[in-house]
Amino acid sequence: MIYCGVDWAERTHDIALVDDTGELLAKRHITDDAAGYKLLLDLLAEYGDTEENPIPVAIETSRGLLVAVLRTGKRKVFAINPMAAARYRDRHSVSRKKSDPGDALVLANILRTDMHAHRQLPDDSDLGRAIAVLARAQQDATWNRQQTANQLRSLLREYYPAALDAFATWTNGLCRPEARELLKTAPTPARAARLSRTQIQASLKRAGRKRGIEAEADRLREVFRADWAHQPPLVEDALGKQMLALLVQLEAACTAADDLAEAVEESFPQHPDAEVLLSFPGLGIQLAARILAEIRDDHTRFADARGLKAYAGSSPITRASGKKSSITRRWVKNDRLNHAGYLWAFSSLRASAGANVHYRRRREQGDWHAAAQRNLFNRMIGQLYHCLQHREPFDENTAFPTELAAAA
């Protein structure tokens, strides 16, 4: 067989081809454009690459146009972790030398010697990959929105505690349109104290509020006119201008998160696995899309449920040496899937009686909250693997027979 290694960069890439004995057959330096991609495909074809028997390729990334070109057809593309590639480099040389052509050769030899130990990129559908892009972008936008809101809250604590007290009773607090509109109307506590009832009502209406406007306006007016400590006037005005600049970023983050959430709601129900995912307790469209984005829709990607559990970081790992043995949680995992799994396990406590009993039993056995949540996620993601493989919806009686009997 022939094996190909690609050391990618921003503008150019290095290519290396080796045979079964490790002999270097060819090496090229290509540009990151259509001409460079054609040169790579022509080189592969020159050494026997066909549609039915393509040459496997190793590269240190799973994204980009180059990877999209290589994934056409039935070609196996292996995304090698850069840290693993660095360890393989030490096998070939102890002098710690490094070069881009040398890294391409190392990647090709990784496939020659240890292809079985590495995971190839899953054969996903175009719809599944599109949902993955949208779900990850929405997750990033949500995290960015929360980070910006935390910065704004920290700034308001320095000079504008009245605003924090006024918005404390609202769900999502500073991220609500009413809060952002009021902060634009009155960026300082001095201006907020001078707001009339009519001005507050107008701000609430501009933000889209429909009910309880008069009562809410009276409450806000009382909070703003209460006795609060103030910064010096010049400092307060400067902090108000800083707050307005940060508010622009928060509005952009809220708009991005909402727009991407709508895009996910439009595309996710069209996927064949959506019905199975949404049948599980605690999974809505957004969270189910995040789960699908990480496990993908190639059902042959994981050999069994244990592989998926290890990938999600829900199953424990054993470290044993001599007389010492310890069982701990995994640190090397898919962080996005692990985060989504924690939210899934938490929301399933109210949606599933069996999940709630399972969690309570783990707590009674001495688990902390996070450990009990992780154990519940480990069980449910194993059930998800079974349901996706057999195209079956979630069944409460089958999933938690012992827990339901104990609850009864």
Protein backbone atom coordinates (compact mmCIF):
# COMPACT_ATOMS: atom_id res chain seq x y z
CA MET A 1 0.00 0.00 0.00
CA ILE A 2 0.88 3.64 -0.39
CA TYR A 3 0.42 6.07 2.50
CA CYS A 4 0.22 9.87 2.30
CA GLY A 5 1.09 12.45 4.94
CA VAL A 6 0.16 16.14 4.68
CA ASP A 7 1.76 18.81 6.87
CA TRP A 8 -0.65 21.69 6.42
CA ALA A 9 -0.03 25.40 6.93
CA GLU A 10 -1.83 28.64 6.17
CA ARG A 11 -0.46 29.22 2.68
CA THR A 12 1.48 26.08 1.67
CA HIS A 13 1.42 22.36 2.44
CA ASP A 14 4.06 19.62 2.35
CA ILE A 15 3.20 16.18 0.98
CA ALA A 16 5.01 12.86 1.50
CA LEU A 17 4.23 9.39 0.08
CA VAL A 18 5.73 6.19 1.51
CA ASP A 19 5.27 2.50 0.75
CA ASP A 20 4.95 -0.54 3.04
CA THR A 21 8.68 -0.58 3.77
CA GLY A 22 8.77 3.10 4.78
CA GLU A 23 10.67 4.20 1.69
CA LEU A 24 9.93 7.77 0.61
CA LEU A 25 8.40 7.59 -2.85
CA ALA A 26 7.62 11.26 -3.48
CA LYS A 27 7.40 14.61 -1.77
CA ARG A 28 5.84 17.87 -2.94
CA HIS A 29 5.37 21.43 -1.72
CA ILE A 30 1.95 22.73 -2.83
CA THR A 31 0.08 25.99 -2.41
CA ASP A 32 -3.21 26.38 -0.60
CA ASP A 33 -5.40 26.99 -3.65
CA ALA A 34 -7.18 25.08 -6.39
CA ALA A 35 -3.95 24.62 -8.35
CA GLY A 36 -2.22 23.12 -5.32
CA TYR A 37 -5.12 20.77 -4.61
CA LYS A 38 -5.07 19.57 -8.23
CA LEU A 39 -1.33 18.92 -7.97
CA LEU A 40 -1.93 16.81 -4.86
CA LEU A 41 -4.70 14.76 -6.49
CA ASP A 42 -2.57 14.24 -9.60
CA LEU A 43 0.31 13.04 -7.43
CA LEU A 44 -1.94 10.56 -5.66
CA ALA A 45 -3.31 9.33 -8.99
CA GLU A 46 0.24 8.87 -10.30
CA TYR A 47 0.94 6.41 -7.50
CA GLY A 48 -2.19 4.31 -7.93
CA ASP A 49 -4.97 6.33 -6.30
CA THR A 50 -8.36 5.27 -7.72
CA GLU A 51 -11.96 5.85 -6.74
CA GLU A 52 -12.36 2.26 -5.57
CA ASN A 53 -8.94 1.98 -3.90
CA PRO A 54 -7.90 5.46 -2.70
CA ILE A 55 -4.67 6.20 -0.86
CA PRO A 56 -5.23 6.95 2.85
CA VAL A 57 -4.13 10.39 4.04
CA ALA A 58 -2.99 11.62 7.46
CA ILE A 59 -3.26 15.30 8.37
CA GLU A 60 -3.23 17.24 11.65
CA THR A 61 -6.63 18.90 11.20
CA SER A 62 -10.20 17.88 10.47
CA ARG A 63 -11.41 21.13 8.89
CA GLY A 64 -10.69 23.33 5.90
CA LEU A 65 -10.92 23.21 2.13
CA LEU A 66 -7.98 20.84 1.81
CA VAL A 67 -9.71 18.27 4.03
CA ALA A 68 -12.95 18.73 2.08
CA VAL A 69 -11.10 17.99 -1.18
CA LEU A 70 -9.43 14.91 0.28
CA ARG A 71 -12.72 13.54 1.64
CA THR A 72 -14.33 13.25 -1.77
CA GLY A 73 -15.12 9.67 -2.67
CA LYS A 74 -14.18 6.75 -0.41
CA ARG A 75 -10.79 8.02 0.72
CA LYS A 76 -9.90 7.48 4.39
CA VAL A 77 -8.67 10.70 5.99
CA PHE A 78 -7.11 10.48 9.47
CA ALA A 79 -6.98 13.60 11.65
CA ILE A 80 -3.88 13.00 13.79
CA ASN A 81 -3.61 14.86 17.08
CA PRO A 82 -0.59 17.22 16.89
CA MET A 83 0.60 15.99 20.30
CA ALA A 84 0.56 12.39 19.06
CA ALA A 85 2.43 13.43 15.92
CA ALA A 86 5.10 15.08 18.08
CA ARG A 87 5.61 11.83 19.99
CA TYR A 88 5.99 9.93 16.73
CA ARG A 89 8.58 12.47 15.60
CA ASP A 90 10.76 11.49 18.57
CA ARG A 91 10.68 7.89 17.40
CA HIS A 92 12.49 8.83 14.20
CA SER A 93 15.01 11.25 15.64
CA VAL A 94 16.32 12.07 19.12
CA SER A 95 18.05 15.29 18.06
CA ARG A 96 14.70 17.17 18.25
CA LYS A 97 15.09 18.42 14.71
CA LYS A 98 11.92 19.51 12.95
CA SER A 99 10.92 20.52 9.42
CA ASP A 100 7.68 20.63 7.48
CA PRO A 101 8.72 17.95 4.94
CA GLY A 102 9.89 15.81 7.85
CA ASP A 103 6.53 16.18 9.60
CA ALA A 104 4.73 15.08 6.43
CA LEU A 105 6.94 11.98 6.36
CA VAL A 106 6.18 11.28 10.03
CA LEU A 107 2.43 11.50 9.34
CA ALA A 108 2.70 9.07 6.43
CA ASN A 109 4.62 6.61 8.60
CA ILE A 110 1.98 6.88 11.33
CA LEU A 111 -0.52 5.35 8.91
CA ARG A 112 2.03 2.76 7.76
CA THR A 113 2.69 1.43 11.26
CA ASP A 114 -0.34 2.34 13.40
CA MET A 115 -3.34 3.00 11.16
CA HIS A 116 -5.44 0.67 13.32
CA ALA A 117 -4.78 2.81 16.40
CA HIS A 118 -6.15 6.04 14.92
CA ARG A 119 -9.67 7.11 14.06
CA GLN A 120 -10.55 8.16 10.54
CA LEU A 121 -12.90 11.05 9.92
CA PRO A 122 -16.51 9.82 10.01
CA ASP A 123 -18.44 9.42 6.81
CA ASP A 124 -21.10 11.99 7.64
CA SER A 125 -23.91 13.23 5.48
CA ASP A 126 -23.88 16.81 4.22
CA LEU A 127 -26.93 17.60 6.36
CA GLY A 128 -25.21 16.22 9.44
CA ARG A 129 -22.12 18.31 8.82
CA ALA A 130 -24.23 21.41 8.24
CA ILE A 131 -26.07 20.84 11.53
CA ALA A 132 -22.71 20.40 13.26
CA VAL A 133 -21.54 23.77 11.95
CA LEU A 134 -24.70 25.54 13.11
CA ALA A 135 -24.89 23.80 16.50
CA ARG A 136 -21.26 24.54 17.35
CA ALA A 137 -21.61 28.15 16.20
CA GLN A 138 -24.73 28.57 18.33
CA GLN A 139 -22.93 27.08 21.32
CA ASP A 140 -20.00 29.46 20.81
CA ALA A 141 -22.39 32.40 20.46
CA THR A 142 -24.13 31.41 23.70
CA TRP A 143 -20.83 31.22 25.55
CA ASN A 144 -19.76 34.57 24.08
CA ARG A 145 -23.05 36.14 25.11
CA GLN A 146 -22.65 34.92 28.69
CA GLN A 147 -19.05 36.09 28.83
CA THR A 148 -20.01 39.57 27.62
CA ALA A 149 -22.94 39.69 30.05
CA ASN A 150 -20.58 38.81 32.91
CA GLN A 151 -18.26 41.65 31.89
CA LEU A 152 -21.19 44.05 31.81
CA ARG A 153 -22.41 42.89 35.21
CA SER A 154 -18.95 43.40 36.68
CA LEU A 155 -18.85 46.93 35.27
CA LEU A 156 -22.30 47.80 36.60
CA ARG A 157 -21.29 46.69 40.08
CA GLU A 158 -18.67 49.46 40.07
CA TYR A 159 -21.06 52.35 39.55
CA TYR A 160 -24.64 51.24 38.77
CA PRO A 161 -25.94 48.69 41.35
CA ALA A 162 -29.48 50.00 40.85
CA ALA A 163 -29.59 48.42 37.39
CA LEU A 164 -28.52 45.03 38.72
CA ASP A 165 -31.18 45.18 41.42
CA ALA A 166 -33.83 46.26 38.91
CA PHE A 167 -33.10 43.40 36.49
CA ALA A 168 -32.51 40.71 39.11
CA THR A 169 -36.10 39.41 38.92
CA TRP A 170 -35.98 38.92 35.14
CA THR A 171 -34.99 35.64 33.55
CA ASN A 172 -31.69 36.02 31.65
CA GLY A 173 -31.20 39.39 33.36
CA LEU A 174 -28.94 41.65 31.32
CA CYS A 175 -29.49 39.62 28.15
CA ARG A 176 -33.17 40.56 27.99
CA PRO A 177 -34.17 43.23 25.42
CA GLU A 178 -35.86 45.29 28.15
CA ALA A 179 -32.65 45.50 30.17
CA ARG A 180 -30.57 46.51 27.17
CA GLU A 181 -33.09 49.16 26.11
CA LEU A 182 -33.24 50.69 29.60
CA LEU A 183 -29.44 50.79 29.81
CA LYS A 184 -29.30 52.64 26.50
CA THR A 185 -31.91 55.11 27.71
CA ALA A 186 -30.19 55.69 31.06
CA PRO A 187 -26.48 54.69 30.99
CA THR A 188 -25.81 56.23 34.43
CA PRO A 189 -27.70 55.99 37.74
CA ALA A 190 -28.15 59.77 37.81
CA ARG A 191 -30.03 59.69 34.51
CA ALA A 192 -32.00 56.63 35.61
CA ALA A 193 -33.21 58.46 38.72
CA ARG A 194 -34.60 61.26 36.48
CA LEU A 195 -36.59 58.87 34.25
CA SER A 196 -40.31 59.43 34.32
CA ARG A 197 -42.91 56.70 34.37
CA THR A 198 -43.76 57.46 30.74
CA GLN A 199 -40.15 57.17 29.60
CA ILE A 200 -39.73 53.79 31.32
CA GLN A 201 -42.95 52.51 29.75
CA ALA A 202 -41.78 53.67 26.32
CA SER A 203 -38.48 51.83 26.76
CA LEU A 204 -40.29 48.62 27.71
CA LYS A 205 -42.56 48.91 24.69
CA ARG A 206 -39.60 49.49 22.34
CA ALA A 207 -38.03 46.32 23.72
CA GLY A 208 -41.14 44.35 22.73
CA ARG A 209 -42.84 43.91 26.10
CA LYS A 210 -46.61 43.42 25.82
CA ARG A 211 -47.95 42.76 29.32
CA GLY A 212 -47.57 44.27 32.77
CA ILE A 213 -45.91 47.41 31.46
CA GLU A 214 -47.42 49.86 33.95
CA ALA A 215 -46.72 47.75 37.04
CA GLU A 216 -43.18 47.00 35.87
CA ALA A 217 -42.56 50.67 35.14
CA ASP A 218 -43.64 51.61 38.68
CA ARG A 219 -41.32 48.97 40.17
CA LEU A 220 -38.35 50.10 38.10
CA ARG A 221 -38.96 53.74 38.92
CA GLU A 222 -38.90 52.99 42.64
CA VAL A 223 -35.66 51.02 42.33
CA PHE A 224 -33.93 53.73 40.29
CA ARG A 225 -35.01 56.49 42.71
CA ALA A 226 -33.90 54.64 45.83
CA ASP A 227 -30.90 55.77 47.83
CA TRP A 228 -27.73 54.38 46.17
CA ALA A 229 -24.04 55.25 46.47
CA HIS A 230 -22.60 57.16 43.49
CA GLN A 231 -19.25 57.66 41.83
CA PRO A 232 -18.05 61.26 41.21
CA PRO A 233 -20.02 62.76 38.27
CA LEU A 234 -17.13 62.79 35.81
CA VAL A 235 -16.17 59.21 36.66
CA GLU A 236 -19.80 58.11 36.45
CA ASP A 237 -20.17 59.61 32.97
CA ALA A 238 -16.97 57.90 31.80
CA LEU A 239 -18.15 54.56 33.13
CA GLY A 240 -21.47 55.11 31.37
CA LYS A 241 -19.70 55.55 28.05
CA GLN A 242 -17.69 52.38 28.69
CA MET A 243 -20.92 50.54 29.51
CA LEU A 244 -22.55 51.68 26.23
CA ALA A 245 -19.58 50.35 24.27
CA LEU A 246 -19.85 47.00 26.05
CA LEU A 247 -23.61 47.01 25.52
CA VAL A 248 -23.09 47.11 21.75
CA GLN A 249 -21.07 43.90 22.01
CA LEU A 250 -23.76 42.27 24.14
CA GLU A 251 -26.49 43.16 21.65
CA ALA A 252 -24.44 41.67 18.81
CA ALA A 253 -23.83 38.49 20.81
CA CYS A 254 -27.54 38.16 21.67
CA THR A 255 -28.54 38.67 18.03
CA ALA A 256 -26.02 36.09 16.84
CA ALA A 257 -27.14 33.50 19.39
CA ASP A 258 -30.82 34.01 18.52
CA ASP A 259 -30.25 33.88 14.75
CA LEU A 260 -28.16 30.72 14.97
CA ALA A 261 -30.75 29.12 17.27
CA GLU A 262 -33.41 29.75 14.62
CA ALA A 263 -31.16 28.21 11.96
CA VAL A 264 -30.69 25.09 14.11
CA GLU A 265 -34.45 24.82 14.67
CA GLU A 266 -35.00 24.89 10.91
CA SER A 267 -32.36 22.32 9.91
CA PHE A 268 -32.24 19.82 12.76
CA PRO A 269 -35.79 18.37 12.43
CA GLN A 270 -34.96 17.42 8.83
CA HIS A 271 -32.29 14.93 9.95
CA PRO A 272 -33.27 11.22 10.10
CA ASP A 273 -31.83 10.84 13.62
CA ALA A 274 -33.76 13.81 15.01
CA GLU A 275 -36.80 11.73 15.98
CA VAL A 276 -34.70 9.31 18.02
CA LEU A 277 -32.74 12.07 19.76
CA LEU A 278 -35.82 14.11 20.63
CA SER A 279 -37.50 11.05 22.16
CA PHE A 280 -34.98 11.09 25.02
CA PRO A 281 -35.99 12.96 28.18
CA GLY A 282 -34.20 16.25 28.70
CA LEU A 283 -33.27 16.77 25.05
CA GLY A 284 -34.73 19.70 23.13
CA ILE A 285 -33.82 20.80 19.64
CA GLN A 286 -30.78 22.89 20.61
CA LEU A 287 -29.25 20.35 22.99
CA ALA A 288 -30.04 17.40 20.72
CA ALA A 289 -28.38 19.23 17.83
CA ARG A 290 -25.24 19.70 19.94
CA ILE A 291 -25.20 15.98 20.74
CA LEU A 292 -25.58 15.09 17.04
CA ALA A 293 -22.90 17.62 16.08
CA GLU A 294 -20.32 15.75 18.18
CA ILE A 295 -21.26 12.09 17.70
CA ARG A 296 -22.14 12.69 14.01
CA ASP A 297 -24.52 10.53 11.94
CA ASP A 298 -22.06 7.86 10.78
CA HIS A 299 -23.34 4.91 12.82
CA THR A 300 -20.19 2.89 12.11
CA ARG A 301 -17.93 5.49 13.71
CA PHE A 302 -17.88 3.76 17.10
CA ALA A 303 -17.43 0.00 17.36
CA ASP A 304 -19.58 -0.20 20.49
CA ALA A 305 -21.16 1.92 23.20
CA ARG A 306 -17.96 1.86 25.26
CA GLY A 307 -16.11 3.74 22.54
CA LEU A 308 -18.77 6.46 22.50
CA LYS A 309 -18.72 6.70 26.30
CA ALA A 310 -14.95 7.10 26.32
CA TYR A 311 -15.17 9.73 23.57
CA ALA A 312 -17.75 11.65 25.61
CA GLY A 313 -15.63 11.41 28.77
CA SER A 314 -18.49 9.90 30.78
CA SER A 315 -16.88 6.51 31.52
CA PRO A 316 -14.16 6.37 34.21
CA ILE A 317 -10.54 5.49 33.52
CA THR A 318 -8.37 3.12 35.58
CA ARG A 319 -4.73 3.83 36.35
CA ALA A 320 -2.93 0.84 37.88
CA SER A 321 0.80 0.44 38.54
CA GLY A 322 2.26 -2.01 41.02
CA LYS A 323 0.27 -1.87 44.23
CA LYS A 324 -1.44 1.39 43.36
CA SER A 325 -4.73 1.54 41.52
CA SER A 326 -7.12 4.46 41.06
CA ILE A 327 -10.33 5.05 39.14
CA THR A 328 -10.83 8.65 38.04
CA ARG A 329 -12.76 10.61 35.48
CA ARG A 330 -11.38 11.19 32.00
CA TRP A 331 -9.50 14.36 31.17
CA VAL A 332 -8.94 13.62 27.48
CA LYS A 333 -12.38 13.79 25.89
CA ASN A 334 -14.64 15.74 23.57
CA ASP A 335 -15.27 18.80 25.75
CA ARG A 336 -18.27 20.00 23.76
CA LEU A 337 -20.00 16.63 24.00
CA ASN A 338 -19.15 16.37 27.69
CA HIS A 339 -20.61 19.81 28.35
CA ALA A 340 -23.79 18.98 26.44
CA GLY A 341 -24.04 15.69 28.33
CA TYR A 342 -23.90 17.46 31.69
CA LEU A 343 -26.79 19.72 30.65
CA TRP A 344 -28.67 16.70 29.29
CA ALA A 345 -28.32 14.74 32.54
CA PHE A 346 -29.36 17.77 34.60
CA SER A 347 -32.49 18.47 32.56
CA SER A 348 -33.50 14.80 32.49
CA LEU A 349 -33.96 14.73 36.27
CA ARG A 350 -37.37 16.36 35.93
CA ALA A 351 -38.31 14.79 32.60
CA SER A 352 -37.62 11.17 33.60
CA ALA A 353 -38.60 9.46 36.85
CA GLY A 354 -36.09 6.68 36.22
CA ALA A 355 -33.25 9.14 35.66
CA ASN A 356 -34.14 10.96 38.86
CA VAL A 357 -34.14 7.76 40.92
CA HIS A 358 -30.82 6.70 39.37
CA TYR A 359 -29.28 10.06 40.28
CA ARG A 360 -30.63 9.93 43.84
CA ARG A 361 -29.28 6.42 44.35
CA ARG A 362 -25.81 7.51 43.22
CA ARG A 363 -25.92 10.42 45.66
CA GLU A 364 -26.92 8.08 48.49
CA GLN A 365 -23.95 5.87 47.64
CA GLY A 366 -21.62 8.79 48.24
CA ASP A 367 -21.19 10.43 44.81
CA TRP A 368 -20.88 14.18 44.58
CA HIS A 369 -23.34 15.99 42.32
CA ALA A 370 -20.97 16.11 39.33
CA ALA A 371 -20.06 12.43 39.68
CA ALA A 372 -23.71 11.39 39.89
CA GLN A 373 -24.52 13.54 36.84
CA ARG A 374 -21.63 12.00 34.92
CA ASN A 375 -22.78 8.48 35.84
CA LEU A 376 -26.30 9.26 34.64
CA PHE A 377 -24.95 10.72 31.39
CA ASN A 378 -22.81 7.60 30.92
CA ARG A 379 -25.87 5.41 31.15
CA MET A 380 -28.07 7.53 28.91
CA ILE A 381 -25.49 7.97 26.14
CA GLY A 382 -25.12 4.19 26.05
CA GLN A 383 -28.88 3.97 25.59
CA LEU A 384 -28.68 6.59 22.87
CA TYR A 385 -26.07 4.50 21.02
CA HIS A 386 -28.39 1.47 21.12
CA CYS A 387 -31.41 3.45 19.92
CA LEU A 388 -29.51 5.04 17.04
CA GLN A 389 -28.12 1.69 15.92
CA HIS A 390 -31.57 0.05 15.92
CA ARG A 391 -33.61 3.12 14.93
CA GLU A 392 -35.71 2.86 18.09
CA PRO A 393 -37.15 5.70 20.18
CA PHE A 394 -36.43 5.98 23.89
CA ASP A 395 -38.59 3.81 26.17
CA GLU A 396 -38.68 4.68 29.87
CA ASN A 397 -39.61 1.19 31.06
CA THR A 398 -36.77 -0.42 29.11
CA ALA A 399 -34.19 2.21 30.05
CA PHE A 400 -34.79 2.27 33.82
CA PRO A 401 -36.73 -0.87 34.85
CA THR A 402 -35.13 -1.15 38.31
CA GLU A 403 -35.44 2.56 39.08
CA LEU A 404 -39.08 2.70 38.07
CA ALA A 405 -39.89 -0.34 40.21
CA ALA A 406 -38.16 1.25 43.19
CA ALA A 407 -40.00 4.51 42.60
CA ALA A 408 -43.33 2.68 42.44
